[in-house]
Amino acid sequence: GKEREFVAVRRSSGSGGRIYYTDSVKGRFTVSRDDA
């Protein structure tokens, strides 16, 4: 019953690779990657 909402993003390596979170998940959710 709700709209799709942003949670987190990891920007591309060319854009610096920084990670951003929506406020409601900060401190609880963590983004990571495995390039291999």
Full PDB file with SEQRES, HELIX, SHEET, SSBOND, CRYST1, ORIGX, SCALE, CONECT and MASTER records, all heavy atoms in Angstrom:
SEQRES   1 A   36  GLY LYS GLU ARG GLU PHE VAL ALA VAL ARG ARG SER SER          
SEQRES   2 A   36  GLY SER GLY GLY ARG ILE TYR TYR THR ASP SER VAL LYS          
SEQRES   3 A   36  GLY ARG PHE THR VAL SER ARG ASP ASP ALA                      
HELIX    1 AA1 SER A   13  SER A   15  5                                   3    
HELIX    2 AA2 ASP A   23  VAL A   25  5                                   3    
SHEET    1 AA1 2 ALA A   8  ARG A  10  0                                        
SHEET    2 AA1 2 ILE A  19  TYR A  21 -1                                        
CRYST1    1.000    1.000    1.000  90.00  90.00  90.00 P 1           1          
ORIGX1      1.000000  0.000000  0.000000        0.00000                         
ORIGX2      0.000000  1.000000  0.000000        0.00000                         
ORIGX3      0.000000  0.000000  1.000000        0.00000                         
SCALE1      1.000000  0.000000  0.000000        0.00000                         
SCALE2      0.000000  1.000000  0.000000        0.00000                         
SCALE3      0.000000  0.000000  1.000000        0.00000                         
ATOM      1  N   GLY A   1       0.775  -1.221   0.000  1.00  0.00           N  
ATOM      2  CA  GLY A   1       0.000   0.000   0.000  1.00  0.00           C  
ATOM      3  C   GLY A   1       0.810   1.276   0.000  1.00  0.00           C  
ATOM      4  O   GLY A   1       0.244   2.372   0.095  1.00  0.00           O  
ATOM      5  N   LYS A   2       2.116   1.149  -0.111  1.00  0.00           N  
ATOM      6  CA  LYS A   2       2.983   2.328  -0.090  1.00  0.00           C  
ATOM      7  C   LYS A   2       3.799   2.413  -1.367  1.00  0.00           C  
ATOM      8  O   LYS A   2       3.960   1.437  -2.099  1.00  0.00           O  
ATOM      9  CB  LYS A   2       3.908   2.296   1.126  1.00  0.00           C  
ATOM     10  CG  LYS A   2       3.180   2.389   2.462  1.00  0.00           C  
ATOM     11  CD  LYS A   2       4.170   2.521   3.599  1.00  0.00           C  
ATOM     12  CE  LYS A   2       3.441   2.688   4.922  1.00  0.00           C  
ATOM     13  NZ  LYS A   2       4.408   2.846   6.063  1.00  0.00           N  
ATOM     14  N   GLU A   3       4.333   3.592  -1.602  1.00  0.00           N  
ATOM     15  CA  GLU A   3       5.189   3.778  -2.758  1.00  0.00           C  
ATOM     16  C   GLU A   3       6.574   3.190  -2.486  1.00  0.00           C  
ATOM     17  O   GLU A   3       6.998   3.056  -1.337  1.00  0.00           O  
ATOM     18  CB  GLU A   3       5.311   5.264  -3.089  1.00  0.00           C  
ATOM     19  CG  GLU A   3       4.024   5.902  -3.576  1.00  0.00           C  
ATOM     20  CD  GLU A   3       4.222   7.319  -4.066  1.00  0.00           C  
ATOM     21  OE1 GLU A   3       5.350   7.838  -3.966  1.00  0.00           O  
ATOM     22  OE2 GLU A   3       3.247   7.901  -4.559  1.00  0.00           O  
ATOM     23  N   ARG A   4       7.263   2.861  -3.564  1.00  0.00           N  
ATOM     24  CA  ARG A   4       8.620   2.382  -3.440  1.00  0.00           C  
ATOM     25  C   ARG A   4       9.511   3.501  -2.907  1.00  0.00           C  
ATOM     26  O   ARG A   4       9.405   4.648  -3.366  1.00  0.00           O  
ATOM     27  CB  ARG A   4       9.130   1.902  -4.797  1.00  0.00           C  
ATOM     28  CG  ARG A   4      10.417   1.133  -4.750  1.00  0.00           C  
ATOM     29  CD  ARG A   4      10.772   0.580  -6.121  1.00  0.00           C  
ATOM     30  NE  ARG A   4       9.754  -0.346  -6.619  1.00  0.00           N  
ATOM     31  CZ  ARG A   4       9.863  -0.998  -7.769  1.00  0.00           C  
ATOM     32  NH1 ARG A   4      10.941  -0.825  -8.530  1.00  0.00           N  
ATOM     33  NH2 ARG A   4       8.918  -1.816  -8.149  1.00  0.00           N  
ATOM     34  N   GLU A   5      10.359   3.169  -1.946  1.00  0.00           N  
ATOM     35  CA  GLU A   5      11.195   4.196  -1.343  1.00  0.00           C  
ATOM     36  C   GLU A   5      12.669   3.804  -1.361  1.00  0.00           C  
ATOM     37  O   GLU A   5      13.014   2.629  -1.345  1.00  0.00           O  
ATOM     38  CB  GLU A   5      10.764   4.468   0.110  1.00  0.00           C  
ATOM     39  CG  GLU A   5      10.964   3.306   1.052  1.00  0.00           C  
ATOM     40  CD  GLU A   5      10.704   3.677   2.509  1.00  0.00           C  
ATOM     41  OE1 GLU A   5      10.441   4.857   2.794  1.00  0.00           O  
ATOM     42  OE2 GLU A   5      10.794   2.769   3.351  1.00  0.00           O  
ATOM     43  N   PHE A   6      13.492   4.821  -1.407  1.00  0.00           N  
ATOM     44  CA  PHE A   6      14.934   4.641  -1.399  1.00  0.00           C  
ATOM     45  C   PHE A   6      15.396   4.128  -0.039  1.00  0.00           C  
ATOM     46  O   PHE A   6      14.918   4.574   1.007  1.00  0.00           O  
ATOM     47  CB  PHE A   6      15.597   5.996  -1.700  1.00  0.00           C  
ATOM     48  CG  PHE A   6      17.075   6.040  -1.483  1.00  0.00           C  
ATOM     49  CD1 PHE A   6      17.939   5.512  -2.421  1.00  0.00           C  
ATOM     50  CD2 PHE A   6      17.599   6.616  -0.334  1.00  0.00           C  
ATOM     51  CE1 PHE A   6      19.306   5.562  -2.235  1.00  0.00           C  
ATOM     52  CE2 PHE A   6      18.957   6.671  -0.127  1.00  0.00           C  
ATOM     53  CZ  PHE A   6      19.819   6.144  -1.077  1.00  0.00           C  
ATOM     54  N   VAL A   7      16.360   3.189  -0.073  1.00  0.00           N  
ATOM     55  CA  VAL A   7      16.949   2.670   1.153  1.00  0.00           C  
ATOM     56  C   VAL A   7      18.425   3.052   1.238  1.00  0.00           C  
ATOM     57  O   VAL A   7      18.879   3.631   2.223  1.00  0.00           O  
ATOM     58  CB  VAL A   7      16.796   1.139   1.227  1.00  0.00           C  
ATOM     59  CG1 VAL A   7      17.525   0.584   2.454  1.00  0.00           C  
ATOM     60  CG2 VAL A   7      15.324   0.737   1.248  1.00  0.00           C  
ATOM     61  N   ALA A   8      19.179   2.719   0.202  1.00  0.00           N  
ATOM     62  CA  ALA A   8      20.623   2.974   0.224  1.00  0.00           C  
ATOM     63  C   ALA A   8      21.154   2.861  -1.196  1.00  0.00           C  
ATOM     64  O   ALA A   8      20.514   2.280  -2.073  1.00  0.00           O  
ATOM     65  CB  ALA A   8      21.345   1.978   1.132  1.00  0.00           C  
ATOM     66  N   VAL A   9      22.326   3.427  -1.405  1.00  0.00           N  
ATOM     67  CA  VAL A   9      22.973   3.309  -2.707  1.00  0.00           C  
ATOM     68  C   VAL A   9      24.483   3.367  -2.525  1.00  0.00           C  
ATOM     69  O   VAL A   9      24.983   4.060  -1.628  1.00  0.00           O  
ATOM     70  CB  VAL A   9      22.511   4.420  -3.676  1.00  0.00           C  
ATOM     71  CG1 VAL A   9      22.971   5.785  -3.200  1.00  0.00           C  
ATOM     72  CG2 VAL A   9      23.032   4.160  -5.100  1.00  0.00           C  
ATOM     73  N   ARG A  10      25.180   2.593  -3.340  1.00  0.00           N  
ATOM     74  CA  ARG A  10      26.611   2.736  -3.479  1.00  0.00           C  
ATOM     75  C   ARG A  10      26.851   3.294  -4.879  1.00  0.00           C  
ATOM     76  O   ARG A  10      26.505   2.644  -5.874  1.00  0.00           O  
ATOM     77  CB  ARG A  10      27.354   1.432  -3.303  1.00  0.00           C  
ATOM     78  CG  ARG A  10      28.878   1.644  -3.333  1.00  0.00           C  
ATOM     79  CD  ARG A  10      29.633   0.367  -3.527  1.00  0.00           C  
ATOM     80  NE  ARG A  10      31.066   0.589  -3.521  1.00  0.00           N  
ATOM     81  CZ  ARG A  10      31.776   1.044  -4.552  1.00  0.00           C  
ATOM     82  NH1 ARG A  10      31.184   1.309  -5.707  1.00  0.00           N  
ATOM     83  NH2 ARG A  10      33.081   1.214  -4.444  1.00  0.00           N  
ATOM     84  N   ARG A  11      27.451   4.454  -4.919  1.00  0.00           N  
ATOM     85  CA  ARG A  11      27.711   5.059  -6.225  1.00  0.00           C  
ATOM     86  C   ARG A  11      28.837   4.308  -6.930  1.00  0.00           C  
ATOM     87  O   ARG A  11      29.623   3.595  -6.318  1.00  0.00           O  
ATOM     88  CB  ARG A  11      28.042   6.539  -6.072  1.00  0.00           C  
ATOM     89  CG  ARG A  11      26.881   7.345  -5.474  1.00  0.00           C  
ATOM     90  CD  ARG A  11      27.106   8.812  -5.622  1.00  0.00           C  
ATOM     91  NE  ARG A  11      27.016   9.237  -7.018  1.00  0.00           N  
ATOM     92  CZ  ARG A  11      27.557  10.353  -7.485  1.00  0.00           C  
ATOM     93  NH1 ARG A  11      28.263  11.145  -6.679  1.00  0.00           N  
ATOM     94  NH2 ARG A  11      27.415  10.698  -8.739  1.00  0.00           N  
ATOM     95  N   SER A  12      28.880   4.490  -8.231  1.00  0.00           N  
ATOM     96  CA  SER A  12      29.877   3.795  -9.037  1.00  0.00           C  
ATOM     97  C   SER A  12      31.290   4.172  -8.613  1.00  0.00           C  
ATOM     98  O   SER A  12      31.509   5.227  -8.001  1.00  0.00           O  
ATOM     99  CB  SER A  12      29.686   4.127 -10.513  1.00  0.00           C  
ATOM    100  OG  SER A  12      29.979   5.491 -10.739  1.00  0.00           O  
ATOM    101  N   SER A  13      32.227   3.316  -8.963  1.00  0.00           N  
ATOM    102  CA  SER A  13      33.622   3.597  -8.619  1.00  0.00           C  
ATOM    103  C   SER A  13      34.076   4.903  -9.247  1.00  0.00           C  
ATOM    104  O   SER A  13      34.809   5.682  -8.646  1.00  0.00           O  
ATOM    105  CB  SER A  13      34.505   2.443  -9.084  1.00  0.00           C  
ATOM    106  OG  SER A  13      34.171   1.260  -8.418  1.00  0.00           O  
ATOM    107  N   GLY A  14      33.623   5.167 -10.459  1.00  0.00           N  
ATOM    108  CA  GLY A  14      33.997   6.403 -11.136  1.00  0.00           C  
ATOM    109  C   GLY A  14      33.435   7.656 -10.481  1.00  0.00           C  
ATOM    110  O   GLY A  14      33.965   8.757 -10.666  1.00  0.00           O  
ATOM    111  N   SER A  15      32.389   7.480  -9.692  1.00  0.00           N  
ATOM    112  CA  SER A  15      31.786   8.597  -8.957  1.00  0.00           C  
ATOM    113  C   SER A  15      32.238   8.625  -7.509  1.00  0.00           C  
ATOM    114  O   SER A  15      31.656   9.350  -6.696  1.00  0.00           O  
ATOM    115  CB  SER A  15      30.261   8.496  -9.037  1.00  0.00           C  
ATOM    116  OG  SER A  15      29.815   8.586 -10.368  1.00  0.00           O  
ATOM    117  N   GLY A  16      33.226   7.813  -7.179  1.00  0.00           N  
ATOM    118  CA  GLY A  16      33.791   7.842  -5.847  1.00  0.00           C  
ATOM    119  C   GLY A  16      33.392   6.693  -4.947  1.00  0.00           C  
ATOM    120  O   GLY A  16      33.992   6.490  -3.896  1.00  0.00           O  
ATOM    121  N   GLY A  17      32.364   5.949  -5.319  1.00  0.00           N  
ATOM    122  CA  GLY A  17      31.998   4.778  -4.550  1.00  0.00           C  
ATOM    123  C   GLY A  17      31.378   5.048  -3.190  1.00  0.00           C  
ATOM    124  O   GLY A  17      31.261   4.136  -2.367  1.00  0.00           O  
ATOM    125  N   ARG A  18      30.957   6.264  -2.934  1.00  0.00           N  
ATOM    126  CA  ARG A  18      30.416   6.581  -1.613  1.00  0.00           C  
ATOM    127  C   ARG A  18      29.047   5.935  -1.431  1.00  0.00           C  
ATOM    128  O   ARG A  18      28.296   5.758  -2.389  1.00  0.00           O  
ATOM    129  CB  ARG A  18      30.323   8.088  -1.442  1.00  0.00           C  
ATOM    130  CG  ARG A  18      29.914   8.538  -0.044  1.00  0.00           C  
ATOM    131  CD  ARG A  18      30.079  10.023   0.143  1.00  0.00           C  
ATOM    132  NE  ARG A  18      29.601  10.448   1.453  1.00  0.00           N  
ATOM    133  CZ  ARG A  18      29.659  11.694   1.898  1.00  0.00           C  
ATOM    134  NH1 ARG A  18      30.179  12.648   1.127  1.00  0.00           N  
ATOM    135  NH2 ARG A  18      29.200  11.994   3.082  1.00  0.00           N  
ATOM    136  N   ILE A  19      28.726   5.643  -0.186  1.00  0.00           N  
ATOM    137  CA  ILE A  19      27.462   4.997   0.154  1.00  0.00           C  
ATOM    138  C   ILE A  19      26.566   5.992   0.883  1.00  0.00           C  
ATOM    139  O   ILE A  19      27.035   6.727   1.759  1.00  0.00           O  
ATOM    140  CB  ILE A  19      27.710   3.753   1.022  1.00  0.00           C  
ATOM    141  CG1 ILE A  19      28.554   2.733   0.241  1.00  0.00           C  
ATOM    142  CG2 ILE A  19      26.384   3.121   1.451  1.00  0.00           C  
ATOM    143  CD1 ILE A  19      29.047   1.580   1.092  1.00  0.00           C  
ATOM    144  N   TYR A  20      25.304   5.980   0.523  1.00  0.00           N  
ATOM    145  CA  TYR A  20      24.310   6.853   1.142  1.00  0.00           C  
ATOM    146  C   TYR A  20      23.152   5.999   1.635  1.00  0.00           C  
ATOM    147  O   TYR A  20      22.780   5.015   0.991  1.00  0.00           O  
ATOM    148  CB  TYR A  20      23.788   7.875   0.125  1.00  0.00           C  
ATOM    149  CG  TYR A  20      24.850   8.799  -0.405  1.00  0.00           C  
ATOM    150  CD1 TYR A  20      25.650   8.420  -1.475  1.00  0.00           C  
ATOM    151  CD2 TYR A  20      25.061  10.053   0.160  1.00  0.00           C  
ATOM    152  CE1 TYR A  20      26.645   9.257  -1.963  1.00  0.00           C  
ATOM    153  CE2 TYR A  20      26.043  10.902  -0.326  1.00  0.00           C  
ATOM    154  CZ  TYR A  20      26.826  10.495  -1.383  1.00  0.00           C  
ATOM    155  OH  TYR A  20      27.801  11.321  -1.867  1.00  0.00           O  
ATOM    156  N   TYR A  21      22.578   6.416   2.770  1.00  0.00           N  
ATOM    157  CA  TYR A  21      21.457   5.702   3.376  1.00  0.00           C  
ATOM    158  C   TYR A  21      20.310   6.669   3.636  1.00  0.00           C  
ATOM    159  O   TYR A  21      20.513   7.839   3.934  1.00  0.00           O  
ATOM    160  CB  TYR A  21      21.860   5.077   4.711  1.00  0.00           C  
ATOM    161  CG  TYR A  21      22.988   4.071   4.635  1.00  0.00           C  
ATOM    162  CD1 TYR A  21      24.308   4.473   4.819  1.00  0.00           C  
ATOM    163  CD2 TYR A  21      22.730   2.726   4.390  1.00  0.00           C  
ATOM    164  CE1 TYR A  21      25.342   3.562   4.759  1.00  0.00           C  
ATOM    165  CE2 TYR A  21      23.767   1.807   4.337  1.00  0.00           C  
ATOM    166  CZ  TYR A  21      25.068   2.234   4.516  1.00  0.00           C  
ATOM    167  OH  TYR A  21      26.087   1.324   4.458  1.00  0.00           O  
ATOM    168  N   THR A  22      19.099   6.130   3.591  1.00  0.00           N  
ATOM    169  CA  THR A  22      17.992   6.924   4.070  1.00  0.00           C  
ATOM    170  C   THR A  22      18.052   6.974   5.592  1.00  0.00           C  
ATOM    171  O   THR A  22      18.591   6.066   6.244  1.00  0.00           O  
ATOM    172  CB  THR A  22      16.652   6.344   3.591  1.00  0.00           C  
ATOM    173  OG1 THR A  22      15.613   7.278   3.792  1.00  0.00           O  
ATOM    174  CG2 THR A  22      16.307   5.037   4.303  1.00  0.00           C  
ATOM    175  N   ASP A  23      17.515   8.028   6.183  1.00  0.00           N  
ATOM    176  CA  ASP A  23      17.685   8.252   7.621  1.00  0.00           C  
ATOM    177  C   ASP A  23      17.156   7.102   8.476  1.00  0.00           C  
ATOM    178  O   ASP A  23      17.740   6.770   9.509  1.00  0.00           O  
ATOM    179  CB  ASP A  23      16.992   9.553   8.030  1.00  0.00           C  
ATOM    180  CG  ASP A  23      17.744  10.792   7.568  1.00  0.00           C  
ATOM    181  OD1 ASP A  23      18.922  10.658   7.161  1.00  0.00           O  
ATOM    182  OD2 ASP A  23      17.156  11.887   7.621  1.00  0.00           O  
ATOM    183  N   SER A  24      16.061   6.499   8.055  1.00  0.00           N  
ATOM    184  CA  SER A  24      15.413   5.488   8.895  1.00  0.00           C  
ATOM    185  C   SER A  24      16.225   4.202   9.040  1.00  0.00           C  
ATOM    186  O   SER A  24      15.924   3.386   9.908  1.00  0.00           O  
ATOM    187  CB  SER A  24      14.023   5.157   8.349  1.00  0.00           C  
ATOM    188  OG  SER A  24      14.123   4.599   7.056  1.00  0.00           O  
ATOM    189  N   VAL A  25      17.242   4.008   8.210  1.00  0.00           N  
ATOM    190  CA  VAL A  25      18.037   2.780   8.313  1.00  0.00           C  
ATOM    191  C   VAL A  25      19.478   3.047   8.736  1.00  0.00           C  
ATOM    192  O   VAL A  25      20.245   2.094   8.939  1.00  0.00           O  
ATOM    193  CB  VAL A  25      18.023   1.985   6.988  1.00  0.00           C  
ATOM    194  CG1 VAL A  25      16.595   1.750   6.517  1.00  0.00           C  
ATOM    195  CG2 VAL A  25      18.861   2.650   5.906  1.00  0.00           C  
ATOM    196  N   LYS A  26      19.850   4.296   8.869  1.00  0.00           N  
ATOM    197  CA  LYS A  26      21.224   4.619   9.275  1.00  0.00           C  
ATOM    198  C   LYS A  26      21.540   3.995  10.629  1.00  0.00           C  
ATOM    199  O   LYS A  26      20.745   4.068  11.562  1.00  0.00           O  
ATOM    200  CB  LYS A  26      21.415   6.128   9.344  1.00  0.00           C  
ATOM    201  CG  LYS A  26      21.527   6.797   7.992  1.00  0.00           C  
ATOM    202  CD  LYS A  26      21.730   8.306   8.140  1.00  0.00           C  
ATOM    203  CE  LYS A  26      21.827   8.988   6.778  1.00  0.00           C  
ATOM    204  NZ  LYS A  26      21.946  10.452   6.901  1.00  0.00           N  
ATOM    205  N   GLY A  27      22.709   3.365  10.710  1.00  0.00           N  
ATOM    206  CA  GLY A  27      23.105   2.704  11.941  1.00  0.00           C  
ATOM    207  C   GLY A  27      22.590   1.290  12.073  1.00  0.00           C  
ATOM    208  O   GLY A  27      23.027   0.549  12.964  1.00  0.00           O  
ATOM    209  N   ARG A  28      21.660   0.892  11.213  1.00  0.00           N  
ATOM    210  CA  ARG A  28      21.114  -0.469  11.264  1.00  0.00           C  
ATOM    211  C   ARG A  28      21.440  -1.268  10.001  1.00  0.00           C  
ATOM    212  O   ARG A  28      21.637  -2.477  10.075  1.00  0.00           O  
ATOM    213  CB  ARG A  28      19.594  -0.423  11.442  1.00  0.00           C  
ATOM    214  CG  ARG A  28      19.118   0.287  12.684  1.00  0.00           C  
ATOM    215  CD  ARG A  28      17.626   0.099  12.919  1.00  0.00           C  
ATOM    216  NE  ARG A  28      16.809   0.646  11.837  1.00  0.00           N  
ATOM    217  CZ  ARG A  28      15.959  -0.072  11.101  1.00  0.00           C  
ATOM    218  NH1 ARG A  28      15.820  -1.362  11.323  1.00  0.00           N  
ATOM    219  NH2 ARG A  28      15.231   0.509  10.142  1.00  0.00           N  
ATOM    220  N   PHE A  29      21.473  -0.609   8.870  1.00  0.00           N  
ATOM    221  CA  PHE A  29      21.748  -1.269   7.592  1.00  0.00           C  
ATOM    222  C   PHE A  29      23.140  -0.881   7.109  1.00  0.00           C  
ATOM    223  O   PHE A  29      23.585   0.266   7.288  1.00  0.00           O  
ATOM    224  CB  PHE A  29      20.732  -0.848   6.541  1.00  0.00           C  
ATOM    225  CG  PHE A  29      19.334  -1.360   6.755  1.00  0.00           C  
ATOM    226  CD1 PHE A  29      18.941  -1.965   7.932  1.00  0.00           C  
ATOM    227  CD2 PHE A  29      18.393  -1.234   5.735  1.00  0.00           C  
ATOM    228  CE1 PHE A  29      17.648  -2.430   8.111  1.00  0.00           C  
ATOM    229  CE2 PHE A  29      17.097  -1.693   5.896  1.00  0.00           C  
ATOM    230  CZ  PHE A  29      16.724  -2.279   7.096  1.00  0.00           C  
ATOM    231  N   THR A  30      23.800  -1.831   6.452  1.00  0.00           N  
ATOM    232  CA  THR A  30      25.141  -1.581   5.930  1.00  0.00           C  
ATOM    233  C   THR A  30      25.265  -2.157   4.527  1.00  0.00           C  
ATOM    234  O   THR A  30      24.926  -3.332   4.309  1.00  0.00           O  
ATOM    235  CB  THR A  30      26.213  -2.222   6.822  1.00  0.00           C  
ATOM    236  OG1 THR A  30      26.065  -1.756   8.165  1.00  0.00           O  
ATOM    237  CG2 THR A  30      27.609  -1.877   6.321  1.00  0.00           C  
ATOM    238  N   VAL A  31      25.745  -1.341   3.608  1.00  0.00           N  
ATOM    239  CA  VAL A  31      25.992  -1.781   2.238  1.00  0.00           C  
ATOM    240  C   VAL A  31      27.460  -2.161   2.094  1.00  0.00           C  
ATOM    241  O   VAL A  31      28.348  -1.445   2.568  1.00  0.00           O  
ATOM    242  CB  VAL A  31      25.634  -0.667   1.232  1.00  0.00           C  
ATOM    243  CG1 VAL A  31      26.133  -1.016  -0.166  1.00  0.00           C  
ATOM    244  CG2 VAL A  31      24.130  -0.442   1.202  1.00  0.00           C  
ATOM    245  N   SER A  32      27.684  -3.285   1.443  1.00  0.00           N  
ATOM    246  CA  SER A  32      29.052  -3.689   1.127  1.00  0.00           C  
ATOM    247  C   SER A  32      29.046  -4.360  -0.234  1.00  0.00           C  
ATOM    248  O   SER A  32      27.991  -4.633  -0.804  1.00  0.00           O  
ATOM    249  CB  SER A  32      29.613  -4.633   2.198  1.00  0.00           C  
ATOM    250  OG  SER A  32      28.852  -5.830   2.247  1.00  0.00           O  
ATOM    251  N   ARG A  33      30.244  -4.636  -0.742  1.00  0.00           N  
ATOM    252  CA  ARG A  33      30.321  -5.224  -2.074  1.00  0.00           C  
ATOM    253  C   ARG A  33      31.430  -6.252  -2.132  1.00  0.00           C  
ATOM    254  O   ARG A  33      32.378  -6.218  -1.358  1.00  0.00           O  
ATOM    255  CB  ARG A  33      30.558  -4.141  -3.119  1.00  0.00           C  
ATOM    256  CG  ARG A  33      31.843  -3.355  -2.886  1.00  0.00           C  
ATOM    257  CD  ARG A  33      31.984  -2.234  -3.879  1.00  0.00           C  
ATOM    258  NE  ARG A  33      32.492  -2.710  -5.166  1.00  0.00           N  
ATOM    259  CZ  ARG A  33      32.576  -1.951  -6.236  1.00  0.00           C  
ATOM    260  NH1 ARG A  33      32.144  -0.709  -6.196  1.00  0.00           N  
ATOM    261  NH2 ARG A  33      33.071  -2.425  -7.349  1.00  0.00           N  
ATOM    262  N   ASP A  34      31.277  -7.163  -3.076  1.00  0.00           N  
ATOM    263  CA  ASP A  34      32.311  -8.144  -3.386  1.00  0.00           C  
ATOM    264  C   ASP A  34      32.526  -8.070  -4.891  1.00  0.00           C  
ATOM    265  O   ASP A  34      31.730  -8.619  -5.664  1.00  0.00           O  
ATOM    266  CB  ASP A  34      31.875  -9.544  -2.945  1.00  0.00           C  
ATOM    267  CG  ASP A  34      32.958 -10.595  -3.154  1.00  0.00           C  
ATOM    268  OD1 ASP A  34      33.828 -10.412  -4.039  1.00  0.00           O  
ATOM    269  OD2 ASP A  34      32.933 -11.603  -2.438  1.00  0.00           O  
ATOM    270  N   ASP A  35      33.583  -7.391  -5.295  1.00  0.00           N  
ATOM    271  CA  ASP A  35      33.824  -7.196  -6.725  1.00  0.00           C  
ATOM    272  C   ASP A  35      34.044  -8.513  -7.457  1.00  0.00           C  
ATOM    273  O   ASP A  35      33.640  -8.669  -8.614  1.00  0.00           O  
ATOM    274  CB  ASP A  35      35.033  -6.291  -6.933  1.00  0.00           C  
ATOM    275  CG  ASP A  35      34.732  -4.854  -6.561  1.00  0.00           C  
ATOM    276  OD1 ASP A  35      33.554  -4.555  -6.266  1.00  0.00           O  
ATOM    277  OD2 ASP A  35      35.660  -4.021  -6.567  1.00  0.00           O  
ATOM    278  N   ALA A  36      34.680  -9.445  -6.794  1.00  0.00           N  
ATOM    279  CA  ALA A  36      34.965 -10.721  -7.446  1.00  0.00           C  
ATOM    280  C   ALA A  36      33.691 -11.475  -7.783  1.00  0.00           C  
ATOM    281  O   ALA A  36      33.662 -12.276  -8.714  1.00  0.00           O  
ATOM    282  CB  ALA A  36      35.863 -11.571  -6.547  1.00  0.00           C  
TER     283      ALA A  36                                                      
MASTER        0    0    0    2    2    0    0    6  282    1    0    3          
END                                                                             
